[in-house]
């Protein structure tokens, strides 16, 4: 039954953790770039916030993935990560310099590397093989629902604080406090997650699909340009923080639909065919983005781009669970490469933002997306024997 395959008790608890994490983290993630600018950060320094976060997450994710294969520990990493991340969220309230912000963001990356690879592995192990991509998609979707709620809560907080007479910087600090309270609730939820036993894995023969890891690196770089795009919307199109929060609310809703649709397609036609429905729209939208001057057209292309990037995540994780070597190492390696891409992306995007003019400030998306072209050739030329699910 569909209920047992996608909505059993253990999977529901894991979905819930994703939702709680994104509800708390999603509150302050959109405002961090603007907060950084208010404390004196340049475009490159805004990018480094994401790079530092992703570098810490990459190192931790790879290490934790390998340890999970050896020790079988899963739940303890989730609990430690949630505990530390809500403490860090409260720490943002007291930050008044860029370097303090950078330090906390790096620490938050370590926590993220502890939590999310472990929960992804747990989802894969609890899901029926024929429904694996959809289970991973639902895990991502509940996170997006948490993100949707966070946009609404963020808008409400900003409205209340503005009406209360607080200035912009003080309003942002209030958001950090409320985000920390929500993440503390997520930590309390982890205390009820059962311990997961290590399950035997049969190693498949053949080489790992390096194309997926390469694409993971590229999509990670594209994904990490989101803070730069928020600054672009704020400074180029003169959008207020509230207007950006509303726009992101709509984007999250559209992403949920695209993510589940692509995962359902993947479970039915296979990963290699479904990847084209993600790669091609992403490449086209990214190349066109800097040349657009009409706001509505820009938003339409931006939505297509972000939906394609998000849809890649569950598809790639499902594929990593079906290749050679151990599950933890596969998920850890894919997370590591995705996060390393996210280290490079903001640096490129931030440099371009500081040195280019007008709409070309957002051209970091285009330059990084060009790497999809060699990625496509690697995907096409990769010689391997495919199992039926992958075809």
Protein backbone atom coordinates (compact mmCIF):
# COMPACT_ATOMS: atom_id res chain seq x y z
CA UNK A 1 0.00 0.00 0.00
CA UNK A 2 1.09 3.58 -0.71
CA UNK A 3 0.65 4.45 2.97
CA UNK A 4 3.15 1.79 4.07
CA UNK A 5 5.65 2.66 1.33
CA UNK A 6 5.66 6.45 1.65
CA UNK A 7 3.90 7.32 4.89
CA UNK A 8 4.89 4.78 7.52
CA UNK A 9 5.62 6.04 11.03
CA UNK A 10 9.41 6.20 10.71
CA UNK A 11 9.29 8.06 7.40
CA UNK A 12 6.75 10.53 8.78
CA UNK A 13 9.07 11.32 11.69
CA UNK A 14 11.94 11.95 9.26
CA UNK A 15 9.74 14.15 7.08
CA UNK A 16 8.79 16.07 10.22
CA UNK A 17 12.44 16.73 11.09
CA UNK A 18 13.02 18.19 7.64
CA UNK A 19 10.00 20.44 8.07
CA UNK A 20 11.06 21.66 11.52
CA UNK A 21 14.62 22.31 10.36
CA UNK A 22 13.52 24.36 7.37
CA UNK A 23 10.89 26.26 9.34
CA UNK A 24 13.51 27.53 11.76
CA UNK A 25 16.42 27.90 9.35
CA UNK A 26 14.18 29.29 6.59
CA UNK A 27 13.24 32.24 8.78
CA UNK A 28 16.66 33.84 8.78
CA UNK A 29 18.26 32.42 5.63
CA UNK A 30 16.63 35.02 3.31
CA UNK A 31 17.63 37.92 5.55
CA UNK A 32 21.26 36.90 6.18
CA UNK A 33 22.56 38.51 2.93
CA UNK A 34 20.77 41.77 3.72
CA UNK A 35 21.86 41.63 7.38
CA UNK A 36 25.45 41.09 6.20
CA UNK A 37 25.24 44.15 3.93
CA UNK A 38 23.96 46.23 6.83
CA UNK A 39 27.01 45.30 8.93
CA UNK A 40 29.35 46.27 6.07
CA UNK A 41 29.81 43.15 3.92
CA UNK A 42 30.75 43.39 0.22
CA UNK A 43 29.22 41.18 -2.46
CA UNK A 44 32.14 38.76 -2.21
CA UNK A 45 31.79 38.64 1.57
CA UNK A 46 28.08 37.89 1.22
CA UNK A 47 29.06 35.01 -1.05
CA UNK A 48 31.64 33.81 1.48
CA UNK A 49 28.89 33.33 4.06
CA UNK A 50 27.46 30.56 1.90
CA UNK A 51 30.92 29.28 0.89
CA UNK A 52 32.03 28.94 4.52
CA UNK A 53 28.77 27.21 5.42
CA UNK A 54 29.07 24.77 2.52
CA UNK A 55 32.77 24.05 3.08
CA UNK A 56 32.08 23.09 6.69
CA UNK A 57 29.08 21.04 5.60
CA UNK A 58 31.08 19.25 2.86
CA UNK A 59 33.86 18.13 5.17
CA UNK A 60 31.44 17.02 7.87
CA UNK A 61 29.03 15.24 5.48
CA UNK A 62 31.80 13.14 3.91
CA UNK A 63 33.22 12.18 7.31
CA UNK A 64 29.81 11.35 8.79
CA UNK A 65 28.79 9.30 5.74
CA UNK A 66 31.84 7.08 6.07
CA UNK A 67 31.35 6.69 9.83
CA UNK A 68 27.72 5.66 9.32
CA UNK A 69 28.90 2.78 7.11
CA UNK A 70 31.35 1.65 9.78
CA UNK A 71 29.46 2.23 13.01
CA UNK A 72 25.79 2.27 12.00
CA UNK A 73 25.23 5.44 14.06
CA UNK A 74 22.61 7.75 12.63
CA UNK A 75 20.25 9.31 15.17
CA UNK A 76 22.97 10.66 17.46
CA UNK A 77 24.29 12.90 14.68
CA UNK A 78 20.83 14.34 14.07
CA UNK A 79 20.38 15.11 17.76
CA UNK A 80 23.78 16.77 18.16
CA UNK A 81 23.24 18.80 14.99
CA UNK A 82 19.83 20.10 16.04
CA UNK A 83 21.07 20.97 19.54
CA UNK A 84 23.98 23.03 18.26
CA UNK A 85 22.07 24.73 15.47
CA UNK A 86 19.45 26.26 17.75
CA UNK A 87 22.21 27.60 20.03
CA UNK A 88 23.87 29.17 16.97
CA UNK A 89 20.56 30.74 15.89
CA UNK A 90 20.36 32.59 19.22
CA UNK A 91 23.97 33.65 18.68
CA UNK A 92 23.03 35.60 15.55
CA UNK A 93 21.09 38.01 17.76
CA UNK A 94 24.32 39.30 19.34
CA UNK A 95 26.42 39.60 16.16
CA UNK A 96 27.42 43.13 15.17
CA UNK A 97 30.29 42.44 12.75
CA UNK A 98 30.76 40.53 9.51
CA UNK A 99 33.42 38.21 10.91
CA UNK A 100 31.19 37.18 13.79
CA UNK A 101 28.48 36.39 11.25
CA UNK A 102 30.94 34.38 9.13
CA UNK A 103 32.09 32.35 12.16
CA UNK A 104 28.54 31.42 13.19
CA UNK A 105 27.64 30.53 9.61
CA UNK A 106 30.66 28.19 9.44
CA UNK A 107 29.61 26.50 12.69
CA UNK A 108 26.10 26.15 11.32
CA UNK A 109 27.56 24.34 8.30
CA UNK A 110 29.16 21.77 10.61
CA UNK A 111 25.78 21.15 12.23
CA UNK A 112 24.11 20.80 8.84
CA UNK A 113 26.72 18.22 7.80
CA UNK A 114 25.90 16.22 10.93
CA UNK A 115 22.13 16.27 10.46
CA UNK A 116 21.02 16.04 6.86
CA UNK A 117 23.16 13.27 5.30
CA UNK A 118 22.16 11.04 8.21
CA UNK A 119 18.44 11.74 7.72
CA UNK A 120 18.73 11.19 3.95
CA UNK A 121 20.30 7.79 4.57
CA UNK A 122 17.54 6.93 7.03
CA UNK A 123 14.87 7.86 4.47
CA UNK A 124 16.49 5.64 1.81
CA UNK A 125 16.65 2.71 4.21
CA UNK A 126 13.01 3.01 5.26
CA UNK A 127 11.57 3.52 1.75
CA UNK A 128 10.46 0.84 -0.68
CA UNK A 129 12.94 0.64 -3.58
CA UNK A 130 10.32 1.43 -6.23
CA UNK A 131 9.23 4.51 -4.27
CA UNK A 132 12.65 5.71 -3.16
CA UNK A 133 12.81 8.88 -5.24
CA UNK A 134 9.32 9.88 -4.14
CA UNK A 135 10.19 9.26 -0.48
CA UNK A 136 13.27 11.45 -0.84
CA UNK A 137 11.14 14.00 -2.67
CA UNK A 138 8.55 14.02 0.13
CA UNK A 139 11.40 14.50 2.59
CA UNK A 140 12.51 17.52 0.57
CA UNK A 141 8.91 18.70 0.15
CA UNK A 142 8.20 18.73 3.89
CA UNK A 143 11.31 20.84 4.18
CA UNK A 144 9.86 23.14 1.51
CA UNK A 145 6.57 23.28 3.40
CA UNK A 146 8.56 24.36 6.43
CA UNK A 147 10.16 26.94 4.15
CA UNK A 148 6.74 28.09 2.96
CA UNK A 149 5.57 28.56 6.53
CA UNK A 150 8.79 30.37 7.36
CA UNK A 151 8.14 32.92 4.58
CA UNK A 152 4.69 33.62 5.99
CA UNK A 153 6.04 33.84 9.55
CA UNK A 154 8.90 36.06 8.38
CA UNK A 155 6.48 38.44 6.70
CA UNK A 156 4.33 38.55 9.84
CA UNK A 157 7.33 39.23 12.09
CA UNK A 158 8.55 42.04 9.86
CA UNK A 159 5.09 43.61 9.73
CA UNK A 160 4.74 43.49 13.51
CA UNK A 161 8.24 44.82 14.23
CA UNK A 162 7.88 47.67 11.73
CA UNK A 163 4.54 48.67 13.23
CA UNK A 164 6.13 48.48 16.69
CA UNK A 165 8.64 51.11 15.55
CA UNK A 166 11.77 48.94 15.36
CA UNK A 167 14.37 49.80 12.75
CA UNK A 168 15.37 47.29 10.06
CA UNK A 169 18.40 45.89 11.89
CA UNK A 170 16.45 45.38 15.11
CA UNK A 171 13.65 43.66 13.20
CA UNK A 172 16.14 41.21 11.70
CA UNK A 173 17.51 40.41 15.15
CA UNK A 174 14.01 39.54 16.35
CA UNK A 175 13.75 37.07 13.46
CA UNK A 176 16.92 35.30 14.67
CA UNK A 177 15.45 34.83 18.16
CA UNK A 178 12.19 33.36 16.87
CA UNK A 179 14.11 31.08 14.48
CA UNK A 180 16.15 29.80 17.41
CA UNK A 181 13.01 29.00 19.40
CA UNK A 182 11.61 26.96 16.50
CA UNK A 183 14.88 25.05 16.06
CA UNK A 184 14.89 24.29 19.77
CA UNK A 185 11.51 22.63 19.23
CA UNK A 186 13.08 20.59 16.40
CA UNK A 187 15.77 19.38 18.79
CA UNK A 188 13.13 18.24 21.27
CA UNK A 189 11.50 16.25 18.46
CA UNK A 190 14.75 14.38 17.78
CA UNK A 191 14.56 12.90 21.27
CA UNK A 192 11.61 10.79 20.08
CA UNK A 193 13.26 9.52 16.88
CA UNK A 194 14.12 5.82 17.35
CA UNK A 195 17.61 4.48 16.93
CA UNK A 196 18.20 3.05 13.45
CA UNK A 197 20.06 -0.18 12.99
CA UNK A 198 22.65 -0.59 10.29
CA UNK A 199 21.19 -2.56 7.39
CA UNK A 200 23.31 -4.87 5.23
CA UNK A 201 24.22 -3.42 1.84
CA UNK A 202 25.06 -5.47 -1.25
CA UNK A 203 27.76 -3.77 -3.27
CA UNK A 204 26.94 -3.41 -6.95
CA UNK A 205 29.57 -4.13 -9.55
CA UNK A 206 31.02 -1.49 -11.83
CA UNK A 207 32.24 2.07 -11.50
CA UNK A 208 30.31 4.82 -9.71
CA UNK A 209 28.49 7.20 -12.07
CA UNK A 210 30.91 10.08 -11.96
CA UNK A 211 28.54 12.15 -14.08
CA UNK A 212 26.10 12.40 -11.16
CA UNK A 213 28.84 13.57 -8.82
CA UNK A 214 29.99 16.15 -11.40
CA UNK A 215 26.44 17.38 -11.88
CA UNK A 216 26.02 17.49 -8.12
CA UNK A 217 29.01 19.83 -7.91
CA UNK A 218 27.57 22.13 -10.62
CA UNK A 219 24.04 22.19 -9.20
CA UNK A 220 25.48 22.83 -5.75
CA UNK A 221 27.26 25.91 -7.11
CA UNK A 222 24.04 27.12 -8.74
CA UNK A 223 21.98 26.45 -5.61
CA UNK A 224 24.35 28.51 -3.48
CA UNK A 225 23.85 31.64 -5.60
CA UNK A 226 20.45 32.21 -3.94
CA UNK A 227 21.81 34.83 -1.46
CA UNK A 228 23.33 36.83 -4.33
CA UNK A 229 20.01 36.71 -6.18
CA UNK A 230 18.24 38.05 -3.07
CA UNK A 231 20.66 40.99 -2.91
CA UNK A 232 20.13 41.53 -6.66
CA UNK A 233 16.35 41.68 -6.25
CA UNK A 234 16.74 44.08 -3.33
CA UNK A 235 19.23 46.45 -5.00
CA UNK A 236 18.53 46.18 -8.75
CA UNK A 237 14.73 45.90 -8.66
CA UNK A 238 14.37 47.84 -5.37
CA UNK A 239 12.34 45.08 -3.73
CA UNK A 240 11.82 45.39 0.01
CA UNK A 241 12.63 42.54 2.40
CA UNK A 242 8.90 41.93 2.79
CA UNK A 243 8.34 41.79 -0.98
CA UNK A 244 11.22 39.34 -1.37
CA UNK A 245 9.76 37.14 1.39
CA UNK A 246 6.42 37.05 -0.47
CA UNK A 247 8.17 36.23 -3.76
CA UNK A 248 10.08 33.38 -2.12
CA UNK A 249 6.82 32.10 -0.67
CA UNK A 250 5.45 31.69 -4.19
CA UNK A 251 8.72 30.15 -5.37
CA UNK A 252 8.63 27.52 -2.63
CA UNK A 253 5.08 26.56 -3.57
CA UNK A 254 6.02 26.10 -7.23
CA UNK A 255 9.14 24.16 -6.25
CA UNK A 256 7.09 21.65 -4.25
CA UNK A 257 4.98 20.87 -7.31
CA UNK A 258 8.02 20.58 -9.60
CA UNK A 259 9.98 18.44 -7.13
CA UNK A 260 7.30 15.82 -6.60
CA UNK A 261 6.43 15.74 -10.31
CA UNK A 262 10.05 15.12 -11.29
CA UNK A 263 10.50 12.41 -8.63
CA UNK A 264 7.33 10.63 -9.75
CA UNK A 265 8.64 10.79 -13.31
CA UNK A 266 11.99 9.38 -12.21
CA UNK A 267 10.43 6.37 -10.46
CA UNK A 268 8.55 5.59 -13.67
CA UNK A 269 11.02 6.32 -16.50
CA UNK A 270 14.39 6.12 -14.76
CA UNK A 271 17.04 8.60 -13.67
CA UNK A 272 18.86 9.03 -16.98
CA UNK A 273 15.78 10.11 -18.89
CA UNK A 274 14.36 12.32 -16.16
CA UNK A 275 17.65 14.19 -15.75
CA UNK A 276 17.11 15.92 -19.09
CA UNK A 277 13.89 17.50 -17.76
CA UNK A 278 16.08 19.16 -15.12
CA UNK A 279 19.33 19.96 -16.94
CA UNK A 280 17.99 21.59 -20.11
CA UNK A 281 15.55 24.09 -18.46
CA UNK A 282 18.25 24.97 -15.93
CA UNK A 283 20.83 25.68 -18.63
CA UNK A 284 18.51 27.75 -20.84
CA UNK A 285 17.08 29.84 -17.98
CA UNK A 286 20.52 30.55 -16.49
CA UNK A 287 21.97 31.71 -19.82
CA UNK A 288 19.05 34.07 -20.48
CA UNK A 289 18.78 35.58 -16.99
CA UNK A 290 21.38 38.42 -17.28
CA UNK A 291 19.88 39.71 -20.54
CA UNK A 292 16.39 40.22 -19.14
CA UNK A 293 15.31 43.69 -18.04
CA UNK A 294 11.55 43.21 -17.62
CA UNK A 295 10.83 42.23 -14.02
CA UNK A 296 8.05 39.71 -14.77
CA UNK A 297 10.20 37.89 -17.35
CA UNK A 298 13.13 37.84 -14.92
CA UNK A 299 10.94 36.32 -12.21
CA UNK A 300 9.57 33.67 -14.63
CA UNK A 301 13.09 32.58 -15.67
CA UNK A 302 14.28 32.71 -12.08
CA UNK A 303 11.42 30.42 -11.02
CA UNK A 304 12.24 27.91 -13.79
CA UNK A 305 15.90 27.95 -12.77
CA UNK A 306 15.27 27.46 -9.06
CA UNK A 307 12.66 24.71 -9.65
CA UNK A 308 15.12 22.79 -11.85
CA UNK A 309 17.90 23.11 -9.26
CA UNK A 310 15.65 21.89 -6.44
CA UNK A 311 14.30 18.97 -8.50
CA UNK A 312 17.84 17.68 -9.00
CA UNK A 313 18.33 17.08 -5.26
CA UNK A 314 16.00 14.08 -4.63
CA UNK A 315 16.79 12.57 -8.04
CA UNK A 316 20.53 12.60 -7.41
CA UNK A 317 20.18 11.22 -3.87
CA UNK A 318 18.01 8.37 -5.08
CA UNK A 319 20.57 7.53 -7.74
CA UNK A 320 23.44 7.63 -5.25
CA UNK A 321 21.64 4.98 -3.20
CA UNK A 322 21.68 2.57 -6.16
CA UNK A 323 25.33 2.67 -7.17
CA UNK A 324 28.42 0.75 -6.08
CA UNK A 325 30.08 0.97 -2.65
CA UNK A 326 28.34 1.70 0.63
CA UNK A 327 25.22 3.84 1.05
CA UNK A 328 26.76 6.20 3.61
CA UNK A 329 29.83 6.82 1.45
CA UNK A 330 27.68 7.45 -1.63
CA UNK A 331 25.37 9.92 0.07
CA UNK A 332 28.30 11.51 1.89
CA UNK A 333 30.33 11.89 -1.32
CA UNK A 334 27.41 13.40 -3.22
CA UNK A 335 26.69 15.80 -0.35
CA UNK A 336 30.38 16.68 -0.16
CA UNK A 337 30.66 17.49 -3.88
CA UNK A 338 27.38 19.40 -3.88
CA UNK A 339 28.60 21.43 -0.93
CA UNK A 340 32.03 22.02 -2.48
CA UNK A 341 30.23 23.37 -5.53
CA UNK A 342 28.35 25.61 -3.13
CA UNK A 343 31.71 26.87 -1.83
CA UNK A 344 32.86 27.94 -5.30
CA UNK A 345 29.55 29.27 -6.59
CA UNK A 346 29.09 32.20 -4.19
CA UNK A 347 32.70 33.32 -4.65
CA UNK A 348 32.21 33.50 -8.43
CA UNK A 349 28.76 35.02 -8.05
CA UNK A 350 29.92 37.58 -5.50
CA UNK A 351 32.92 38.65 -7.60
CA UNK A 352 30.72 39.11 -10.67
CA UNK A 353 28.15 41.03 -8.62
CA UNK A 354 30.82 43.47 -7.40
CA UNK A 355 32.52 43.99 -10.79
CA UNK A 356 29.73 43.82 -13.38
CA UNK A 357 27.04 46.40 -14.07
CA UNK A 358 23.26 46.36 -14.42
CA UNK A 359 21.63 42.97 -15.09
CA UNK A 360 25.00 41.30 -15.63
CA UNK A 361 25.54 41.42 -11.88
CA UNK A 362 23.55 38.17 -11.84
CA UNK A 363 25.66 36.55 -14.59
CA UNK A 364 27.22 34.16 -12.09
CA UNK A 365 24.31 31.83 -12.85
CA UNK A 366 25.18 31.87 -16.57
CA UNK A 367 28.90 31.27 -16.13
CA UNK A 368 28.42 28.35 -13.76
CA UNK A 369 25.60 26.87 -15.87
CA UNK A 370 28.01 26.67 -18.82
CA UNK A 371 29.70 23.84 -16.90
CA UNK A 372 26.55 21.81 -17.51
CA UNK A 373 27.65 21.43 -21.12
CA UNK A 374 30.72 19.28 -20.31
CA UNK A 375 28.57 17.62 -17.65
CA UNK A 376 26.13 16.59 -20.38
CA UNK A 377 28.96 15.11 -22.46
CA UNK A 378 30.22 13.10 -19.48
CA UNK A 379 26.68 11.86 -18.88
CA UNK A 380 26.29 10.82 -22.52
CA UNK A 381 29.68 9.16 -22.79
CA UNK A 382 29.66 7.36 -19.48
CA UNK A 383 30.05 3.65 -20.17
CA UNK A 384 28.26 1.47 -17.63
CA UNK A 385 25.73 -1.30 -17.31
CA UNK A 386 22.43 0.06 -16.03
CA UNK A 387 20.01 -1.78 -13.81
CA UNK A 388 16.36 -1.54 -15.02
CA UNK A 389 15.45 1.11 -12.42
CA UNK A 390 18.19 3.42 -13.76
CA UNK A 391 17.28 3.16 -17.45
